[in-house]
Amino acid sequence: MTSEEVEVSALAINVAVPESLQWTDTRRDVVFRLSTLNVRLLPDGRLAAKAYGRPVEGGRSAYTSFPVPDRPELSALIGEAAQVAAERWRTAYAPEA
């Protein structure tokens, strides 16, 4: 199989949001604390990010997704996480010369 035959639809990383950057959002009158980002690099080079969290009050509600706010500190977190992920990919697969 050649690299032209392999189609990668997206690359994804999950990023823990440090407590100091976490935020809350509400859905159907339930307040959620957002603590994880899922960031996908799409084939066209764009990033798609979602934030995930659980209800502040606890309970058995699903892990629910929300849009990521346009905040510089969250953009910086995504950028730093992408650099860490790129380095891990680079070192995880190093074909022998």
C-alpha atoms as a PDB file:
ATOM      1  CA  MET A   1       0.000   0.000   0.000  1.00  0.00           C
ATOM      2  CA  THR A   2       1.353   3.435  -0.915  1.00  0.00           C
ATOM      3  CA  SER A   3       0.839   6.744   0.855  1.00  0.00           C
ATOM      4  CA  GLU A   4      -1.475   7.791  -2.007  1.00  0.00           C
ATOM      5  CA  GLU A   5      -3.793   4.873  -1.128  1.00  0.00           C
ATOM      6  CA  VAL A   6      -4.041   5.724   2.578  1.00  0.00           C
ATOM      7  CA  GLU A   7      -6.742   8.247   3.414  1.00  0.00           C
ATOM      8  CA  VAL A   8      -6.559   9.882   6.831  1.00  0.00           C
ATOM      9  CA  SER A   9      -9.891  11.555   7.515  1.00  0.00           C
ATOM     10  CA  ALA A  10      -8.775  13.442  10.622  1.00  0.00           C
ATOM     11  CA  LEU A  11      -6.187  13.515  13.382  1.00  0.00           C
ATOM     12  CA  ALA A  12      -7.520  13.977  16.899  1.00  0.00           C
ATOM     13  CA  ILE A  13      -6.116  14.780  20.315  1.00  0.00           C
ATOM     14  CA  ASN A  14      -7.810  14.959  23.689  1.00  0.00           C
ATOM     15  CA  VAL A  15      -6.602  17.707  25.968  1.00  0.00           C
ATOM     16  CA  ALA A  16      -7.243  18.056  29.690  1.00  0.00           C
ATOM     17  CA  VAL A  17      -8.184  21.648  30.495  1.00  0.00           C
ATOM     18  CA  PRO A  18      -6.262  22.877  33.549  1.00  0.00           C
ATOM     19  CA  GLU A  19      -8.594  23.783  36.397  1.00  0.00           C
ATOM     20  CA  SER A  20      -7.700  27.474  36.087  1.00  0.00           C
ATOM     21  CA  LEU A  21      -8.993  27.494  32.474  1.00  0.00           C
ATOM     22  CA  GLN A  22     -12.128  25.389  32.972  1.00  0.00           C
ATOM     23  CA  TRP A  23     -15.482  27.091  32.554  1.00  0.00           C
ATOM     24  CA  THR A  24     -19.168  26.303  32.890  1.00  0.00           C
ATOM     25  CA  ASP A  25     -21.957  26.279  30.347  1.00  0.00           C
ATOM     26  CA  THR A  26     -25.638  25.408  30.556  1.00  0.00           C
ATOM     27  CA  ARG A  27     -27.788  23.029  28.560  1.00  0.00           C
ATOM     28  CA  ARG A  28     -31.458  22.363  29.367  1.00  0.00           C
ATOM     29  CA  ASP A  29     -31.110  24.139  32.703  1.00  0.00           C
ATOM     30  CA  VAL A  30     -28.171  21.900  33.735  1.00  0.00           C
ATOM     31  CA  VAL A  31     -24.809  23.543  34.454  1.00  0.00           C
ATOM     32  CA  PHE A  32     -21.781  21.667  33.117  1.00  0.00           C
ATOM     33  CA  ARG A  33     -18.099  22.125  34.015  1.00  0.00           C
ATOM     34  CA  LEU A  34     -16.011  21.838  30.834  1.00  0.00           C
ATOM     35  CA  SER A  35     -12.759  20.015  31.510  1.00  0.00           C
ATOM     36  CA  THR A  36     -11.671  18.304  28.280  1.00  0.00           C
ATOM     37  CA  LEU A  37     -11.116  19.414  24.692  1.00  0.00           C
ATOM     38  CA  ASN A  38     -11.269  17.179  21.655  1.00  0.00           C
ATOM     39  CA  VAL A  39      -9.360  18.807  18.809  1.00  0.00           C
ATOM     40  CA  ARG A  40      -9.415  17.382  15.281  1.00  0.00           C
ATOM     41  CA  LEU A  41      -7.165  18.378  12.419  1.00  0.00           C
ATOM     42  CA  LEU A  42      -9.315  18.011   9.329  1.00  0.00           C
ATOM     43  CA  PRO A  43      -7.937  16.974   5.913  1.00  0.00           C
ATOM     44  CA  ASP A  44      -8.177  20.562   4.655  1.00  0.00           C
ATOM     45  CA  GLY A  45      -5.974  21.825   7.520  1.00  0.00           C
ATOM     46  CA  ARG A  46      -8.759  23.380   9.603  1.00  0.00           C
ATOM     47  CA  LEU A  47      -9.154  22.620  13.296  1.00  0.00           C
ATOM     48  CA  ALA A  48     -12.446  21.509  14.803  1.00  0.00           C
ATOM     49  CA  ALA A  49     -12.659  21.611  18.591  1.00  0.00           C
ATOM     50  CA  LYS A  50     -15.325  20.630  21.082  1.00  0.00           C
ATOM     51  CA  ALA A  51     -15.333  20.936  24.858  1.00  0.00           C
ATOM     52  CA  TYR A  52     -16.679  18.161  27.049  1.00  0.00           C
ATOM     53  CA  GLY A  53     -17.803  18.102  30.640  1.00  0.00           C
ATOM     54  CA  ARG A  54     -20.118  16.733  33.265  1.00  0.00           C
ATOM     55  CA  PRO A  55     -22.880  18.337  35.318  1.00  0.00           C
ATOM     56  CA  VAL A  56     -21.614  20.432  38.222  1.00  0.00           C
ATOM     57  CA  GLU A  57     -24.245  18.848  40.477  1.00  0.00           C
ATOM     58  CA  GLY A  58     -23.031  15.340  39.599  1.00  0.00           C
ATOM     59  CA  GLY A  59     -25.325  12.533  38.648  1.00  0.00           C
ATOM     60  CA  ARG A  60     -25.359  10.075  35.791  1.00  0.00           C
ATOM     61  CA  SER A  61     -25.679  12.495  32.897  1.00  0.00           C
ATOM     62  CA  ALA A  62     -23.695  11.789  29.743  1.00  0.00           C
ATOM     63  CA  TYR A  63     -20.381  13.418  29.007  1.00  0.00           C
ATOM     64  CA  THR A  64     -21.765  16.307  26.923  1.00  0.00           C
ATOM     65  CA  SER A  65     -20.083  18.402  24.216  1.00  0.00           C
ATOM     66  CA  PHE A  66     -20.127  22.195  23.898  1.00  0.00           C
ATOM     67  CA  PRO A  67     -18.491  24.727  21.569  1.00  0.00           C
ATOM     68  CA  VAL A  68     -15.087  25.996  22.657  1.00  0.00           C
ATOM     69  CA  PRO A  69     -15.207  29.733  23.443  1.00  0.00           C
ATOM     70  CA  ASP A  70     -12.934  32.026  21.458  1.00  0.00           C
ATOM     71  CA  ARG A  71     -10.518  32.818  24.309  1.00  0.00           C
ATOM     72  CA  PRO A  72      -6.790  33.437  23.774  1.00  0.00           C
ATOM     73  CA  GLU A  73      -5.775  31.170  26.655  1.00  0.00           C
ATOM     74  CA  LEU A  74      -7.770  28.250  25.212  1.00  0.00           C
ATOM     75  CA  SER A  75      -6.280  28.863  21.761  1.00  0.00           C
ATOM     76  CA  ALA A  76      -2.824  28.805  23.347  1.00  0.00           C
ATOM     77  CA  LEU A  77      -3.655  25.543  25.142  1.00  0.00           C
ATOM     78  CA  ILE A  78      -4.751  23.976  21.838  1.00  0.00           C
ATOM     79  CA  GLY A  79      -1.552  25.177  20.144  1.00  0.00           C
ATOM     80  CA  GLU A  80       0.674  23.781  22.893  1.00  0.00           C
ATOM     81  CA  ALA A  81      -1.218  20.480  22.884  1.00  0.00           C
ATOM     82  CA  ALA A  82      -0.799  20.209  19.099  1.00  0.00           C
ATOM     83  CA  GLN A  83       2.961  20.655  19.469  1.00  0.00           C
ATOM     84  CA  VAL A  84       3.136  17.954  22.145  1.00  0.00           C
ATOM     85  CA  ALA A  85       1.024  15.598  20.009  1.00  0.00           C
ATOM     86  CA  ALA A  86       3.173  16.240  16.930  1.00  0.00           C
ATOM     87  CA  GLU A  87       6.317  15.375  18.878  1.00  0.00           C
ATOM     88  CA  ARG A  88       4.736  12.192  20.229  1.00  0.00           C
ATOM     89  CA  TRP A  89       3.688  11.122  16.711  1.00  0.00           C
ATOM     90  CA  ARG A  90       7.181  11.894  15.427  1.00  0.00           C
ATOM     91  CA  THR A  91       8.905   9.803  18.069  1.00  0.00           C
ATOM     92  CA  ALA A  92       6.308   6.998  18.165  1.00  0.00           C
ATOM     93  CA  TYR A  93       6.877   6.100  14.547  1.00  0.00           C
ATOM     94  CA  ALA A  94      10.425   6.489  13.417  1.00  0.00           C
ATOM     95  CA  PRO A  95      11.021   4.141  10.491  1.00  0.00           C
ATOM     96  CA  GLU A  96      14.470   2.668  10.354  1.00  0.00           C
ATOM     97  CA  ALA A  97      16.689   4.276   7.771  1.00  0.00           C
END
